[in-house]
Amino acid sequence: MAFVWARLAFFAGIISLFHAGYSAAQHRAYMRITEQEFTSLPTDISIQGFLSLLMAMYGILYIAGDFKEIRANVQLQNKSWETVGNRPTFYTFAHRGRALSPNYSPPKATRSPLDPIDNLAAGPHHQE
């Protein structure tokens, strides 16, 4: 039975929250039409919005059911201290630190099979 009341409270809170938003938009439009300065919302609209929010939150907390405890140590119980700090996604091998080292010597240029061939223009289809 409490579940039904929680759903009812949630839906009533959401509908009332939309109504408060619509009332705020109507009030703002009225202020524009009458060319009055808009300073703040009327108290009844603010109270309706706040109470609607509380009612919707109350309803959703009971609809969601019991919360489970979040325990980070459950996954870490079987790991040693050395493996906890191991994060392979943060490994970086191609960085500029080696270029700043005094012992750094750049690799020798090697030809890759994907490099363009220089004498392609001198092939069998080339006419001079």
N, C-alpha and C. Protein backbone atom coordinates (compact mmCIF):
# COMPACT_ATOMS: atom_id res chain seq x y z
N MET A 1 0.81 -1.19 0.00
CA MET A 1 0.00 0.00 0.00
C MET A 1 0.86 1.26 0.00
N ALA A 2 2.02 1.19 0.67
CA ALA A 2 2.92 2.35 0.73
C ALA A 2 3.48 2.65 -0.66
N PHE A 3 3.64 1.59 -1.46
CA PHE A 3 4.16 1.77 -2.82
C PHE A 3 3.18 2.58 -3.66
N VAL A 4 1.90 2.35 -3.49
CA VAL A 4 0.88 3.09 -4.23
C VAL A 4 0.90 4.55 -3.82
N TRP A 5 1.02 4.81 -2.50
CA TRP A 5 1.08 6.19 -2.05
C TRP A 5 2.35 6.89 -2.52
N ALA A 6 3.43 6.16 -2.60
CA ALA A 6 4.68 6.75 -3.08
C ALA A 6 4.55 7.13 -4.55
N ARG A 7 3.96 6.26 -5.36
CA ARG A 7 3.75 6.60 -6.77
C ARG A 7 2.81 7.79 -6.93
N LEU A 8 1.77 7.80 -6.14
CA LEU A 8 0.82 8.90 -6.18
C LEU A 8 1.51 10.22 -5.78
N ALA A 9 2.33 10.17 -4.75
CA ALA A 9 3.07 11.36 -4.31
C ALA A 9 4.04 11.82 -5.39
N PHE A 10 4.71 10.88 -6.05
CA PHE A 10 5.65 11.24 -7.10
C PHE A 10 4.94 11.90 -8.27
N PHE A 11 3.88 11.29 -8.78
CA PHE A 11 3.18 11.85 -9.93
C PHE A 11 2.50 13.18 -9.58
N ALA A 12 1.94 13.28 -8.39
CA ALA A 12 1.34 14.54 -7.97
C ALA A 12 2.41 15.63 -7.84
N GLY A 13 3.57 15.26 -7.33
CA GLY A 13 4.67 16.22 -7.21
C GLY A 13 5.16 16.69 -8.56
N ILE A 14 5.28 15.77 -9.52
CA ILE A 14 5.74 16.15 -10.85
C ILE A 14 4.72 17.04 -11.55
N ILE A 15 3.44 16.68 -11.47
CA ILE A 15 2.40 17.49 -12.10
C ILE A 15 2.34 18.87 -11.44
N SER A 16 2.45 18.92 -10.13
CA SER A 16 2.43 20.20 -9.43
C SER A 16 3.66 21.04 -9.77
N LEU A 17 4.79 20.38 -9.98
CA LEU A 17 6.02 21.09 -10.36
C LEU A 17 5.87 21.70 -11.75
N PHE A 18 5.28 20.96 -12.69
CA PHE A 18 5.01 21.51 -14.01
C PHE A 18 4.02 22.69 -13.91
N HIS A 19 3.03 22.55 -13.05
CA HIS A 19 2.07 23.63 -12.86
C HIS A 19 2.74 24.88 -12.30
N ALA A 20 3.66 24.71 -11.38
CA ALA A 20 4.39 25.85 -10.82
C ALA A 20 5.25 26.51 -11.90
N GLY A 21 5.86 25.71 -12.75
CA GLY A 21 6.64 26.27 -13.86
C GLY A 21 5.77 27.03 -14.84
N TYR A 22 4.62 26.49 -15.14
CA TYR A 22 3.68 27.16 -16.05
C TYR A 22 3.17 28.46 -15.42
N SER A 23 2.89 28.42 -14.13
CA SER A 23 2.43 29.63 -13.44
C SER A 23 3.52 30.70 -13.44
N ALA A 24 4.78 30.29 -13.28
CA ALA A 24 5.88 31.25 -13.31
C ALA A 24 6.01 31.87 -14.70
N ALA A 25 5.84 31.07 -15.75
CA ALA A 25 5.90 31.61 -17.12
C ALA A 25 4.73 32.56 -17.37
N GLN A 26 3.55 32.22 -16.88
CA GLN A 26 2.38 33.10 -17.03
C GLN A 26 2.58 34.41 -16.27
N HIS A 27 3.16 34.33 -15.09
CA HIS A 27 3.41 35.54 -14.31
C HIS A 27 4.41 36.44 -15.04
N ARG A 28 5.43 35.83 -15.60
CA ARG A 28 6.44 36.61 -16.34
C ARG A 28 5.82 37.27 -17.56
N ALA A 29 4.95 36.55 -18.27
CA ALA A 29 4.27 37.13 -19.44
C ALA A 29 3.35 38.27 -19.01
N TYR A 30 2.66 38.12 -17.90
CA TYR A 30 1.79 39.18 -17.39
C TYR A 30 2.59 40.43 -17.06
N MET A 31 3.77 40.24 -16.46
CA MET A 31 4.62 41.38 -16.11
C MET A 31 5.11 42.10 -17.36
N ARG A 32 5.39 41.37 -18.41
CA ARG A 32 5.81 41.99 -19.68
C ARG A 32 4.67 42.78 -20.31
N ILE A 33 3.47 42.20 -20.31
CA ILE A 33 2.32 42.85 -20.94
C ILE A 33 1.97 44.15 -20.22
N THR A 34 2.03 44.12 -18.91
CA THR A 34 1.69 45.32 -18.13
C THR A 34 2.88 46.26 -17.99
N GLU A 35 4.00 45.90 -18.58
CA GLU A 35 5.24 46.70 -18.58
C GLU A 35 5.70 47.04 -17.17
N GLN A 36 5.59 46.06 -16.28
CA GLN A 36 6.10 46.22 -14.93
C GLN A 36 7.45 45.53 -14.83
N GLU A 37 8.23 45.97 -13.89
CA GLU A 37 9.56 45.37 -13.72
C GLU A 37 9.43 44.03 -13.00
N PHE A 38 10.11 43.01 -13.53
CA PHE A 38 10.08 41.68 -12.91
C PHE A 38 11.18 41.62 -11.85
N THR A 39 10.77 41.49 -10.59
CA THR A 39 11.77 41.41 -9.52
C THR A 39 11.90 39.98 -8.99
N SER A 40 10.78 39.35 -8.70
CA SER A 40 10.82 37.97 -8.23
C SER A 40 9.46 37.34 -8.43
N LEU A 41 9.43 36.03 -8.24
CA LEU A 41 8.15 35.31 -8.35
C LEU A 41 7.30 35.57 -7.12
N PRO A 42 5.99 35.46 -7.27
CA PRO A 42 5.14 35.55 -6.08
C PRO A 42 5.43 34.40 -5.12
N THR A 43 5.15 34.63 -3.87
CA THR A 43 5.47 33.65 -2.83
C THR A 43 4.72 32.34 -3.03
N ASP A 44 3.48 32.39 -3.48
CA ASP A 44 2.71 31.15 -3.63
C ASP A 44 3.30 30.24 -4.71
N ILE A 45 3.83 30.82 -5.77
CA ILE A 45 4.44 30.01 -6.83
C ILE A 45 5.75 29.39 -6.33
N SER A 46 6.53 30.17 -5.60
CA SER A 46 7.79 29.65 -5.05
C SER A 46 7.54 28.52 -4.06
N ILE A 47 6.56 28.70 -3.19
CA ILE A 47 6.24 27.65 -2.20
C ILE A 47 5.71 26.40 -2.91
N GLN A 48 4.85 26.61 -3.91
CA GLN A 48 4.33 25.45 -4.65
C GLN A 48 5.46 24.69 -5.33
N GLY A 49 6.40 25.39 -5.93
CA GLY A 49 7.53 24.72 -6.58
C GLY A 49 8.38 23.95 -5.60
N PHE A 50 8.67 24.55 -4.45
CA PHE A 50 9.49 23.88 -3.44
C PHE A 50 8.80 22.65 -2.87
N LEU A 51 7.52 22.80 -2.50
CA LEU A 51 6.79 21.66 -1.93
C LEU A 51 6.59 20.55 -2.97
N SER A 52 6.39 20.92 -4.23
CA SER A 52 6.26 19.92 -5.29
C SER A 52 7.55 19.14 -5.46
N LEU A 53 8.66 19.85 -5.39
CA LEU A 53 9.96 19.18 -5.48
C LEU A 53 10.16 18.20 -4.34
N LEU A 54 9.82 18.62 -3.12
CA LEU A 54 9.95 17.72 -1.98
C LEU A 54 9.04 16.50 -2.11
N MET A 55 7.82 16.72 -2.59
CA MET A 55 6.88 15.60 -2.74
C MET A 55 7.37 14.62 -3.81
N ALA A 56 7.90 15.13 -4.90
CA ALA A 56 8.42 14.25 -5.95
C ALA A 56 9.64 13.48 -5.45
N MET A 57 10.50 14.15 -4.68
CA MET A 57 11.68 13.46 -4.14
C MET A 57 11.27 12.37 -3.14
N TYR A 58 10.29 12.65 -2.30
CA TYR A 58 9.79 11.66 -1.36
C TYR A 58 9.25 10.44 -2.10
N GLY A 59 8.46 10.68 -3.13
CA GLY A 59 7.88 9.58 -3.90
C GLY A 59 8.93 8.75 -4.60
N ILE A 60 9.93 9.39 -5.21
CA ILE A 60 10.93 8.63 -5.96
C ILE A 60 11.84 7.83 -5.04
N LEU A 61 12.06 8.32 -3.83
CA LEU A 61 12.89 7.56 -2.88
C LEU A 61 12.22 6.25 -2.48
N TYR A 62 10.91 6.25 -2.34
CA TYR A 62 10.21 5.01 -1.99
C TYR A 62 9.97 4.12 -3.19
N ILE A 63 9.89 4.70 -4.38
CA ILE A 63 9.74 3.89 -5.59
C ILE A 63 11.04 3.16 -5.90
N ALA A 64 12.15 3.83 -5.68
CA ALA A 64 13.46 3.24 -6.01
C ALA A 64 13.78 2.04 -5.14
N GLY A 65 13.23 1.96 -3.97
CA GLY A 65 13.49 0.82 -3.10
C GLY A 65 14.70 1.06 -2.21
N ASP A 66 15.21 -0.02 -1.63
CA ASP A 66 16.34 0.08 -0.72
C ASP A 66 17.62 0.34 -1.49
N PHE A 67 18.44 1.20 -0.94
CA PHE A 67 19.72 1.50 -1.54
C PHE A 67 20.74 0.48 -1.07
N LYS A 68 21.66 0.15 -1.94
CA LYS A 68 22.74 -0.76 -1.58
C LYS A 68 23.96 0.06 -1.20
N GLU A 69 24.70 -0.48 -0.27
CA GLU A 69 25.90 0.21 0.19
C GLU A 69 26.99 0.11 -0.88
N ILE A 70 27.63 1.21 -1.12
CA ILE A 70 28.74 1.22 -2.08
C ILE A 70 30.02 1.03 -1.28
N ARG A 71 30.66 -0.09 -1.50
CA ARG A 71 31.91 -0.37 -0.79
C ARG A 71 33.01 -0.58 -1.81
N ALA A 72 33.97 0.29 -1.81
CA ALA A 72 35.07 0.20 -2.76
C ALA A 72 36.06 -0.89 -2.37
N ASN A 73 36.14 -1.22 -1.10
CA ASN A 73 37.14 -2.18 -0.65
C ASN A 73 36.81 -3.62 -1.02
N VAL A 74 35.59 -3.91 -1.48
CA VAL A 74 35.23 -5.28 -1.85
C VAL A 74 36.07 -5.73 -3.04
N GLN A 75 36.23 -4.88 -4.03
CA GLN A 75 37.02 -5.24 -5.21
C GLN A 75 38.51 -5.21 -4.92
N LEU A 76 38.92 -4.43 -3.94
CA LEU A 76 40.34 -4.28 -3.67
C LEU A 76 40.88 -5.24 -2.62
N GLN A 77 40.03 -6.08 -2.03
CA GLN A 77 40.48 -6.96 -0.96
C GLN A 77 41.46 -8.02 -1.45
N ASN A 78 41.30 -8.51 -2.66
CA ASN A 78 42.15 -9.59 -3.16
C ASN A 78 43.38 -9.09 -3.90
N LYS A 79 43.60 -7.78 -3.96
CA LYS A 79 44.75 -7.24 -4.69
C LYS A 79 45.84 -6.82 -3.73
N SER A 80 47.07 -6.97 -4.19
CA SER A 80 48.20 -6.52 -3.37
C SER A 80 48.39 -5.02 -3.58
N TRP A 81 49.21 -4.43 -2.72
CA TRP A 81 49.45 -3.00 -2.80
C TRP A 81 50.13 -2.61 -4.11
N GLU A 82 50.96 -3.48 -4.66
CA GLU A 82 51.67 -3.18 -5.90
C GLU A 82 50.72 -3.13 -7.09
N THR A 83 49.72 -4.00 -7.12
CA THR A 83 48.81 -4.03 -8.26
C THR A 83 47.73 -2.96 -8.18
N VAL A 84 47.50 -2.39 -7.01
CA VAL A 84 46.49 -1.34 -6.88
C VAL A 84 46.95 -0.09 -7.63
N GLY A 85 48.24 0.23 -7.54
CA GLY A 85 48.76 1.42 -8.20
C GLY A 85 49.09 1.22 -9.66
N ASN A 86 48.98 0.01 -10.16
CA ASN A 86 49.32 -0.28 -11.54
C ASN A 86 48.17 0.15 -12.46
N ARG A 87 48.42 1.14 -13.29
CA ARG A 87 47.39 1.63 -14.22
C ARG A 87 47.99 1.65 -15.62
N PRO A 88 47.84 0.57 -16.38
CA PRO A 88 48.45 0.52 -17.71
C PRO A 88 47.89 1.56 -18.68
N THR A 89 46.73 2.08 -18.44
CA THR A 89 46.18 3.08 -19.35
C THR A 89 46.93 4.40 -19.27
N PHE A 90 47.72 4.59 -18.21
CA PHE A 90 48.48 5.83 -18.07
C PHE A 90 49.92 5.69 -18.56
N TYR A 91 50.29 4.55 -19.08
CA TYR A 91 51.64 4.38 -19.60
C TYR A 91 51.80 5.21 -20.86
N THR A 92 52.91 5.94 -20.96
CA THR A 92 53.20 6.75 -22.13
C THR A 92 54.62 6.43 -22.58
N PHE A 93 54.76 5.99 -23.81
CA PHE A 93 56.08 5.64 -24.32
C PHE A 93 56.59 6.65 -25.34
N ALA A 94 55.71 7.33 -26.03
CA ALA A 94 56.12 8.28 -27.05
C ALA A 94 55.93 9.70 -26.51
N HIS A 95 56.88 10.14 -25.70
CA HIS A 95 56.79 11.48 -25.13
C HIS A 95 58.08 12.23 -25.41
N ARG A 96 58.11 13.52 -25.17
CA ARG A 96 59.27 14.34 -25.52
C ARG A 96 60.38 14.28 -24.48
N GLY A 97 60.18 13.55 -23.41
CA GLY A 97 61.20 13.45 -22.39
C GLY A 97 62.48 12.83 -22.89
N ARG A 98 62.39 11.87 -23.79
CA ARG A 98 63.61 11.25 -24.31
C ARG A 98 64.38 12.20 -25.20
N ALA A 99 63.71 13.15 -25.84
CA ALA A 99 64.41 14.13 -26.67
C ALA A 99 65.17 15.12 -25.81
N LEU A 100 64.75 15.33 -24.59
CA LEU A 100 65.43 16.25 -23.69
C LEU A 100 66.57 15.59 -22.93
N SER A 101 66.70 14.29 -23.05
CA SER A 101 67.76 13.57 -22.36
C SER A 101 69.10 13.80 -23.06
N PRO A 102 70.20 13.95 -22.29
CA PRO A 102 71.51 14.15 -22.93
C PRO A 102 72.01 12.89 -23.64
N ASN A 103 71.49 11.73 -23.30
CA ASN A 103 71.93 10.49 -23.92
C ASN A 103 71.07 10.08 -25.11
N TYR A 104 70.17 10.94 -25.53
CA TYR A 104 69.24 10.60 -26.61
C TYR A 104 69.91 10.72 -27.97
N SER A 105 69.77 9.69 -28.77
CA SER A 105 70.20 9.77 -30.17
C SER A 105 69.01 9.37 -31.02
N PRO A 106 68.63 10.22 -31.97
CA PRO A 106 67.43 9.93 -32.76
C PRO A 106 67.60 8.66 -33.58
N PRO A 107 66.52 7.95 -33.84
CA PRO A 107 66.62 6.73 -34.63
C PRO A 107 67.01 7.05 -36.07
N LYS A 108 67.70 6.09 -36.67
CA LYS A 108 68.13 6.27 -38.06
C LYS A 108 66.92 6.12 -38.97
N ALA A 109 66.95 6.88 -40.05
CA ALA A 109 65.83 6.84 -40.98
C ALA A 109 65.82 5.50 -41.71
N THR A 110 64.72 4.86 -41.68
CA THR A 110 64.56 3.59 -42.39
C THR A 110 63.40 3.74 -43.35
N ARG A 111 63.44 3.01 -44.41
CA ARG A 111 62.37 3.07 -45.40
C ARG A 111 61.27 2.11 -44.99
N SER A 112 60.11 2.62 -45.05
CA SER A 112 58.94 1.82 -44.75
C SER A 112 58.36 1.31 -46.06
N PRO A 113 57.73 0.16 -46.07
CA PRO A 113 57.10 -0.32 -47.31
C PRO A 113 55.98 0.63 -47.78
N LEU A 114 55.52 1.49 -46.91
CA LEU A 114 54.46 2.41 -47.29
C LEU A 114 55.00 3.73 -47.84
N ASP A 115 56.33 3.95 -47.75
CA ASP A 115 56.92 5.18 -48.30
C ASP A 115 56.77 5.19 -49.81
N PRO A 116 56.59 6.39 -50.43
CA PRO A 116 56.48 6.43 -51.89
C PRO A 116 57.81 6.09 -52.56
N ILE A 117 57.71 5.49 -53.67
CA ILE A 117 58.92 5.11 -54.43
C ILE A 117 59.32 6.30 -55.29
N ASP A 118 60.63 6.66 -55.21
CA ASP A 118 61.10 7.85 -55.91
C ASP A 118 61.09 7.70 -57.43
N ASN A 119 61.39 6.53 -57.88
CA ASN A 119 61.50 6.36 -59.32
C ASN A 119 60.22 5.81 -59.95
N LEU A 120 59.11 6.11 -59.36
CA LEU A 120 57.85 5.65 -59.93
C LEU A 120 57.60 6.33 -61.27
N ALA A 121 58.03 7.60 -61.39
CA ALA A 121 57.80 8.33 -62.64
C ALA A 121 58.65 7.75 -63.77
N ALA A 122 59.73 7.07 -63.46
CA ALA A 122 60.60 6.51 -64.50
C ALA A 122 60.18 5.10 -64.85
N GLY A 123 58.97 4.71 -64.51
CA GLY A 123 58.50 3.36 -64.79
C GLY A 123 58.20 3.14 -66.25
N PRO A 124 57.61 2.03 -66.65
CA PRO A 124 57.40 1.68 -68.03
C PRO A 124 56.39 2.59 -68.74
N HIS A 125 55.53 3.26 -67.99
CA HIS A 125 54.54 4.12 -68.62
C HIS A 125 54.99 5.56 -68.75
N HIS A 126 56.20 5.86 -68.33
CA HIS A 126 56.71 7.22 -68.36
C HIS A 126 57.22 7.54 -69.76
N GLN A 127 56.80 8.67 -70.29
CA GLN A 127 57.27 9.09 -71.63
C GLN A 127 58.03 10.38 -71.48
N GLU A 128 59.21 10.45 -72.11
CA GLU A 128 60.02 11.66 -72.05
C GLU A 128 59.98 12.39 -73.35
